Amino acid sequence: MVFDMQWEEYTIITAHDASEVICELLAQWGAVGLAVTDKEDIRLILEDPNSLSYADEGFLDSQDDEVTVRAYFPIHNDVVLIRNAEEDFDLSFDSRLYDYNSGVSLNPDSLMNRMLKRFSKISEFLPVGALSISHTTVHQEDWENNWKKDYKRFNLSERIAVCPTWEKSDSSDASDMIEIYLDPGSAFGTGTHETTMMCARLLDRLITRDDQVLDLGCGSGILSIVASKLGASYVEAIDIDSQAVAVAEQNIHDNGVQVFCHSGELKDASQNAYSLIVANIIADVLVDLSTQIGSYLKENGRIIVSGIIASKRQAVVNAFIANDFDIFDETDLNDWHAIVFVRKTT
């Protein structure tokens, strides 16, 4: 007898800027699959001169402006299994239907309402759009097809492509493109967000074979993998979130690269003379880091900072200039900025 596994599919309608934060939370809570449909991501792919993708005139205009995020959670005996949600959902023992391993279980409607309440808090710092949630139960075969259909290969830069693992190229079909393999479940960053995309493109321009690179706040590890595949001699990845580190380690393994990946903060970095640091972190944290990060860079070392919304750009620039950095390069995409600072010589 074949066991028919069931999954609860939650469909979240939100805004582009909030979608990555929502995906990170869903992954943290134990979502075993994520699929994102985003008009902005489609536009970026179509506008990429290296992309082979094509759409009829008017196609983008026909797409919803809102982003659709689909998350899949295991469901058993009509309750949804979740993990690591006690703090986000303020779960008391009485609110749990029963414990499962280190997680808890909730009925589907209760989880939906708790998601809506938690996601609403994102509006304090990012637009969330209409923010609606619905859910339905799907079977194993349906889920396996649904979570893959919206995730396709796309180009991060002129030389770098991100591919789902089920679309790996055959060795006989080799090209000049550097391929990064990530699946939709890698919700700590799959490269579709503007901030990740800009960092990858800057790495593509800046990396040399002598570089010793620190990826601070590595998330899924995508930028560490990019740095390693571009030829950096040493790459280290750090994140304060142990789940992100676990995801990054798996992605590093799947991509066959050498990256020292571990939990921690800047103070836990293994070296103090990196030639290049990349930090795709929110602007307020970057401002705080500006006072100490110079001591981890070689003279003339560079740092790529991203995660900077337009309204926060000047605060980040002022902070780094006040701490003996000069602007080396800068790029922007929509309302997001990425800046390369170089450490001044003493």
Protein backbone atom coordinates (compact mmCIF):
# COMPACT_ATOMS: atom_id res chain seq x y z
CA MET A 1 0.00 0.00 0.00
CA VAL A 2 1.34 3.43 -0.94
CA PHE A 3 1.15 6.00 1.84
CA ASP A 4 -0.49 9.22 0.61
CA MET A 5 1.25 12.07 2.41
CA GLN A 6 -0.79 15.24 2.77
CA TRP A 7 0.31 18.86 2.99
CA GLU A 8 -1.41 22.07 3.93
CA GLU A 9 -0.80 24.73 1.28
CA TYR A 10 -0.92 28.30 2.59
CA THR A 11 -1.23 31.02 -0.04
CA ILE A 12 -0.10 34.46 1.11
CA ILE A 13 -0.79 37.56 -0.99
CA THR A 14 1.62 40.36 -0.10
CA ALA A 15 3.93 43.06 -1.50
CA HIS A 16 7.30 42.49 -3.17
CA ASP A 17 9.34 44.12 -0.39
CA ALA A 18 7.80 41.94 2.35
CA SER A 19 7.87 38.65 0.46
CA GLU A 20 11.42 37.62 1.37
CA VAL A 21 10.88 38.30 5.08
CA ILE A 22 7.68 36.25 4.93
CA CYS A 23 9.53 33.40 3.20
CA GLU A 24 12.22 33.42 5.90
CA LEU A 25 9.59 33.15 8.63
CA LEU A 26 7.76 30.33 6.82
CA ALA A 27 10.99 28.38 6.46
CA GLN A 28 11.79 28.97 10.12
CA TRP A 29 8.39 27.53 11.06
CA GLY A 30 9.08 24.33 9.13
CA ALA A 31 7.68 24.89 5.64
CA VAL A 32 9.01 22.03 3.54
CA GLY A 33 8.43 23.82 0.25
CA LEU A 34 8.04 27.42 -0.91
CA ALA A 35 7.02 28.88 -4.26
CA VAL A 36 6.95 32.60 -5.06
CA THR A 37 5.21 34.26 -8.01
CA ASP A 38 6.42 37.84 -8.31
CA LYS A 39 5.81 40.18 -11.24
CA GLU A 40 8.97 42.11 -10.34
CA ASP A 41 11.14 38.99 -10.54
CA ILE A 42 9.64 38.18 -13.94
CA ARG A 43 10.39 41.72 -15.13
CA LEU A 44 14.03 41.48 -14.03
CA ILE A 45 14.46 38.20 -15.87
CA LEU A 46 12.87 39.54 -19.05
CA GLU A 47 15.01 42.69 -18.96
CA ASP A 48 18.23 40.71 -18.46
CA PRO A 49 20.09 40.85 -21.81
CA ASN A 50 21.57 37.41 -21.09
CA SER A 51 18.23 35.78 -20.45
CA LEU A 52 16.63 33.56 -23.07
CA SER A 53 13.20 34.12 -21.54
CA TYR A 54 10.53 35.78 -23.65
CA ALA A 55 7.03 37.10 -23.00
CA ASP A 56 4.42 38.54 -25.32
CA GLU A 57 3.84 42.28 -25.27
CA GLY A 58 1.48 43.17 -22.47
CA PHE A 59 2.23 40.00 -20.48
CA LEU A 60 3.72 41.86 -17.51
CA ASP A 61 0.84 44.32 -17.44
CA SER A 62 -1.54 41.37 -17.19
CA GLN A 63 0.16 40.08 -14.04
CA ASP A 64 -0.92 40.99 -10.52
CA ASP A 65 1.18 43.63 -8.79
CA GLU A 66 0.93 41.66 -5.56
CA VAL A 67 3.27 38.74 -4.81
CA THR A 68 1.92 35.24 -4.20
CA VAL A 69 3.83 33.04 -1.75
CA ARG A 70 2.82 29.40 -1.39
CA ALA A 71 4.10 27.47 1.61
CA TYR A 72 3.66 23.76 2.28
CA PHE A 73 3.48 22.24 5.76
CA PRO A 74 2.96 18.58 6.69
CA ILE A 75 -0.52 17.81 8.00
CA HIS A 76 -1.50 14.73 10.00
CA ASN A 77 -4.84 13.89 11.61
CA ASP A 78 -6.16 17.30 10.50
CA VAL A 79 -3.49 19.31 12.32
CA VAL A 80 -0.53 21.16 10.81
CA LEU A 81 2.97 20.43 12.10
CA ILE A 82 5.14 23.49 12.76
CA ARG A 83 8.47 24.23 14.44
CA ASN A 84 10.26 27.13 16.11
CA ALA A 85 7.11 29.23 16.32
CA GLU A 86 6.67 29.59 20.06
CA GLU A 87 8.07 33.13 20.23
CA ASP A 88 6.47 34.39 17.01
CA PHE A 89 3.06 33.00 17.87
CA ASP A 90 3.28 33.42 21.66
CA LEU A 91 2.26 29.80 22.11
CA SER A 92 1.42 28.73 25.62
CA PHE A 93 1.23 25.05 26.45
CA ASP A 94 -2.57 25.20 26.47
CA SER A 95 -2.66 26.54 22.91
CA ARG A 96 -0.81 23.53 21.53
CA LEU A 97 -2.82 20.57 20.38
CA TYR A 98 0.13 18.30 21.07
CA ASP A 99 3.91 18.34 20.95
CA TYR A 100 5.73 16.75 18.05
CA ASN A 101 9.46 16.41 18.47
CA SER A 102 10.66 19.97 19.11
CA GLY A 103 7.61 21.50 17.42
CA VAL A 104 3.89 21.87 17.94
CA SER A 105 0.72 21.27 15.98
CA LEU A 106 -2.19 23.60 15.30
CA ASN A 107 -5.39 23.26 13.36
CA PRO A 108 -5.11 24.86 9.89
CA ASP A 109 -7.39 27.84 10.61
CA SER A 110 -5.59 28.65 13.85
CA LEU A 111 -2.22 28.63 12.10
CA MET A 112 -3.58 30.87 9.34
CA ASN A 113 -4.83 33.43 11.86
CA ARG A 114 -1.52 33.38 13.73
CA MET A 115 0.39 33.84 10.48
CA LEU A 116 -1.75 36.83 9.57
CA LYS A 117 -1.15 38.45 12.95
CA ARG A 118 2.63 37.89 12.74
CA PHE A 119 2.96 39.03 9.12
CA SER A 120 0.97 42.18 9.89
CA LYS A 121 3.82 43.29 12.16
CA ILE A 122 6.11 43.46 9.12
CA SER A 123 4.16 46.55 8.05
CA GLU A 124 6.01 48.48 10.77
CA PHE A 125 9.11 48.55 8.54
CA LEU A 126 8.08 47.25 5.08
CA PRO A 127 4.95 47.55 2.91
CA VAL A 128 2.93 44.32 3.05
CA GLY A 129 0.28 45.12 0.45
CA ALA A 130 -3.18 43.56 0.74
CA LEU A 131 -1.83 40.76 2.98
CA SER A 132 -4.35 37.97 2.76
CA ILE A 133 -3.93 34.27 3.57
CA SER A 134 -5.88 31.20 2.48
CA HIS A 135 -5.18 27.50 2.80
CA THR A 136 -6.11 24.14 1.35
CA THR A 137 -5.02 20.52 1.73
CA VAL A 138 -3.08 18.94 -1.15
CA HIS A 139 -1.80 15.42 -1.72
CA GLN A 140 1.81 14.37 -2.21
CA GLU A 141 1.71 14.22 -6.00
CA ASP A 142 0.00 17.62 -6.28
CA TRP A 143 2.48 19.20 -3.86
CA GLU A 144 5.53 17.85 -5.68
CA ASN A 145 4.34 19.47 -8.90
CA ASN A 146 3.01 22.72 -7.40
CA TRP A 147 6.12 23.79 -5.55
CA LYS A 148 8.34 23.34 -8.62
CA LYS A 149 6.26 24.88 -11.38
CA ASP A 150 7.02 28.53 -10.52
CA TYR A 151 10.76 28.15 -9.87
CA LYS A 152 12.88 28.33 -13.01
CA ARG A 153 16.49 29.00 -13.91
CA PHE A 154 17.42 32.69 -13.99
CA ASN A 155 20.57 34.76 -14.43
CA LEU A 156 22.04 36.62 -11.47
CA SER A 157 24.72 38.29 -13.59
CA GLU A 158 26.39 37.96 -16.97
CA ARG A 159 28.24 34.86 -15.77
CA ILE A 160 26.08 33.44 -12.96
CA ALA A 161 22.83 31.50 -13.23
CA VAL A 162 20.69 30.13 -10.39
CA CYS A 163 19.09 26.77 -11.14
CA PRO A 164 16.81 24.43 -9.19
CA THR A 165 18.58 21.16 -8.48
CA TRP A 166 16.23 19.24 -10.77
CA GLU A 167 17.47 21.34 -13.74
CA LYS A 168 21.19 20.67 -13.36
CA SER A 169 23.02 20.80 -16.66
CA ASP A 170 24.61 17.66 -18.05
CA SER A 171 28.39 17.76 -18.26
CA SER A 172 27.99 17.33 -22.02
CA ASP A 173 25.95 20.54 -22.10
CA ALA A 174 28.56 22.70 -20.40
CA SER A 175 28.58 26.45 -21.01
CA ASP A 176 30.51 29.45 -19.81
CA MET A 177 27.81 30.19 -17.22
CA ILE A 178 28.57 29.53 -13.55
CA GLU A 179 25.61 27.61 -12.14
CA ILE A 180 24.41 27.92 -8.55
CA TYR A 181 22.02 25.18 -7.44
CA LEU A 182 19.28 26.19 -5.01
CA ASP A 183 15.75 24.94 -4.42
CA PRO A 184 12.66 26.96 -3.44
CA GLY A 185 12.98 25.60 0.10
CA SER A 186 16.12 27.72 0.46
CA ALA A 187 14.01 30.55 1.82
CA PHE A 188 16.93 32.38 3.40
CA GLY A 189 17.65 33.79 -0.06
CA THR A 190 17.48 32.27 -3.54
CA GLY A 191 18.80 35.28 -5.42
CA THR A 192 15.55 36.77 -6.69
CA HIS A 193 15.56 39.74 -4.32
CA GLU A 194 17.20 42.93 -5.58
CA THR A 195 19.66 43.10 -2.69
CA THR A 196 21.01 39.59 -3.32
CA MET A 197 21.12 40.18 -7.06
CA MET A 198 23.15 43.38 -6.70
CA CYS A 199 25.62 41.73 -4.31
CA ALA A 200 26.14 38.84 -6.73
CA ARG A 201 26.76 41.22 -9.63
CA LEU A 202 29.26 43.23 -7.61
CA LEU A 203 31.04 40.03 -6.56
CA ASP A 204 31.18 39.05 -10.21
CA ARG A 205 32.99 42.32 -10.98
CA LEU A 206 35.30 42.40 -7.96
CA ILE A 207 36.37 38.86 -7.02
CA THR A 208 39.95 37.79 -7.72
CA ARG A 209 41.65 34.48 -7.02
CA ASP A 210 43.63 36.02 -4.16
CA ASP A 211 40.55 37.20 -2.29
CA GLN A 212 39.71 36.05 1.22
CA VAL A 213 35.98 36.61 1.57
CA LEU A 214 33.66 36.88 4.57
CA ASP A 215 29.91 36.56 3.94
CA LEU A 216 28.37 38.17 7.02
CA GLY A 217 24.73 37.22 7.52
CA CYS A 218 24.99 34.48 4.91
CA GLY A 219 21.37 33.29 4.89
CA SER A 220 21.11 30.48 2.34
CA GLY A 221 24.81 30.80 1.54
CA ILE A 222 24.16 31.92 -2.03
CA LEU A 223 26.73 34.74 -1.95
CA SER A 224 29.35 32.48 -0.37
CA ILE A 225 28.74 29.95 -3.12
CA VAL A 226 29.00 32.70 -5.74
CA ALA A 227 32.30 33.91 -4.25
CA SER A 228 33.74 30.40 -4.18
CA LYS A 229 32.66 29.57 -7.73
CA LEU A 230 34.12 32.87 -8.93
CA GLY A 231 37.49 31.66 -7.65
CA ALA A 232 38.10 33.30 -4.27
CA SER A 233 40.92 31.54 -2.43
CA TYR A 234 39.05 31.42 0.90
CA VAL A 235 35.38 31.94 1.76
CA GLU A 236 33.81 32.06 5.21
CA ALA A 237 30.08 32.31 5.91
CA ILE A 238 28.54 33.42 9.22
CA ASP A 239 24.94 33.81 10.36
CA ILE A 240 23.41 34.28 13.80
CA ASP A 241 20.51 32.00 12.82
CA SER A 242 21.43 28.34 13.26
CA GLN A 243 18.70 27.30 10.82
CA ALA A 244 20.17 29.56 8.15
CA VAL A 245 23.56 27.96 8.77
CA ALA A 246 22.05 24.48 8.34
CA VAL A 247 20.44 25.55 5.05
CA ALA A 248 23.69 27.18 3.89
CA GLU A 249 25.74 24.08 4.73
CA GLN A 250 23.40 21.91 2.66
CA ASN A 251 23.51 24.33 -0.27
CA ILE A 252 27.30 24.53 -0.05
CA HIS A 253 27.46 20.73 -0.17
CA ASP A 254 25.03 20.57 -3.11
CA ASN A 255 27.21 23.02 -5.04
CA GLY A 256 30.47 21.20 -4.34
CA VAL A 257 32.36 24.22 -3.03
CA GLN A 258 34.66 24.79 -0.06
CA VAL A 259 33.21 27.32 2.40
CA PHE A 260 33.81 27.52 6.15
CA CYS A 261 30.26 28.00 7.44
CA HIS A 262 29.33 28.53 11.08
CA SER A 263 27.00 30.28 13.50
CA GLY A 264 28.03 33.57 15.01
CA GLU A 265 28.43 37.31 14.67
CA LEU A 266 31.22 39.50 13.30
CA LYS A 267 33.26 38.97 16.48
CA ASP A 268 33.24 35.23 15.75
CA ALA A 269 34.96 35.59 12.37
CA SER A 270 38.04 33.37 12.14
CA GLN A 271 40.30 36.06 10.65
CA ASN A 272 40.94 39.78 10.93
CA ALA A 273 42.37 40.56 7.50
CA TYR A 274 39.76 39.75 4.86
CA SER A 275 40.23 41.38 1.47
CA LEU A 276 36.48 41.42 0.81
CA ILE A 277 33.43 41.31 3.08
CA VAL A 278 29.86 41.10 1.83
CA ALA A 279 27.02 42.03 4.19
CA ASN A 280 23.49 41.84 2.81
CA ILE A 281 21.87 43.06 6.04
CA ILE A 282 19.37 45.78 6.91
CA ALA A 283 20.64 49.36 7.00
CA ASP A 284 20.38 49.91 10.76
CA VAL A 285 22.63 46.92 11.43
CA LEU A 286 25.11 48.12 8.80
CA VAL A 287 25.34 51.49 10.56
CA ASP A 288 26.17 49.71 13.82
CA LEU A 289 28.74 47.48 12.10
CA SER A 290 30.53 50.45 10.51
CA THR A 291 32.37 51.23 13.75
CA GLN A 292 34.01 47.80 14.03
CA ILE A 293 34.10 46.10 10.64
CA GLY A 294 37.22 47.97 9.50
CA SER A 295 39.33 45.99 11.96
CA TYR A 296 38.44 42.81 10.04
CA LEU A 297 39.62 44.17 6.67
CA LYS A 298 43.05 44.52 5.15
CA GLU A 299 44.17 47.99 4.18
CA ASN A 300 42.41 48.80 0.92
CA GLY A 301 40.04 45.93 1.69
CA ARG A 302 36.51 46.33 0.39
CA ILE A 303 33.07 45.68 1.81
CA ILE A 304 29.90 45.23 -0.21
CA VAL A 305 26.86 46.34 1.78
CA SER A 306 23.30 45.88 0.62
CA GLY A 307 19.83 45.58 2.12
CA ILE A 308 19.67 49.39 1.99
CA ILE A 309 16.33 50.96 1.13
CA ALA A 310 16.64 54.36 -0.58
CA SER A 311 15.58 56.35 2.48
CA LYS A 312 18.41 54.76 4.54
CA ARG A 313 21.21 55.18 1.99
CA GLN A 314 22.64 58.44 3.31
CA ALA A 315 22.73 57.18 6.90
CA VAL A 316 24.80 54.17 5.81
CA VAL A 317 27.13 56.33 3.69
CA ASN A 318 27.66 58.82 6.53
CA ALA A 319 28.42 56.02 9.00
CA PHE A 320 31.06 54.34 6.84
CA ILE A 321 32.73 57.59 5.77
CA ALA A 322 32.95 58.61 9.43
CA ASN A 323 34.80 55.34 10.09
CA ASP A 324 37.55 55.77 7.49
CA PHE A 325 35.91 54.27 4.41
CA ASP A 326 35.52 55.74 0.92
CA ILE A 327 32.87 54.82 -1.64
CA PHE A 328 34.45 52.56 -4.26
CA ASP A 329 31.37 51.60 -6.30
CA GLU A 330 27.60 51.76 -6.05
CA THR A 331 24.56 50.33 -7.79
CA ASP A 332 20.81 50.45 -7.28
CA LEU A 333 17.80 48.45 -8.36
CA ASN A 334 14.31 49.79 -7.82
CA ASP A 335 14.36 51.33 -4.31
CA TRP A 336 17.33 49.27 -3.08
CA HIS A 337 21.01 50.24 -2.98
CA ALA A 338 24.25 48.28 -2.77
CA ILE A 339 27.48 50.14 -2.03
CA VAL A 340 31.11 49.05 -2.13
CA PHE A 341 33.27 50.82 0.45
CA VAL A 342 37.06 50.62 0.53
CA ARG A 343 39.03 50.90 3.74
CA LYS A 344 41.38 53.88 3.71
CA THR A 345 45.09 53.31 4.16
CA THR A 346 46.53 54.60 7.43
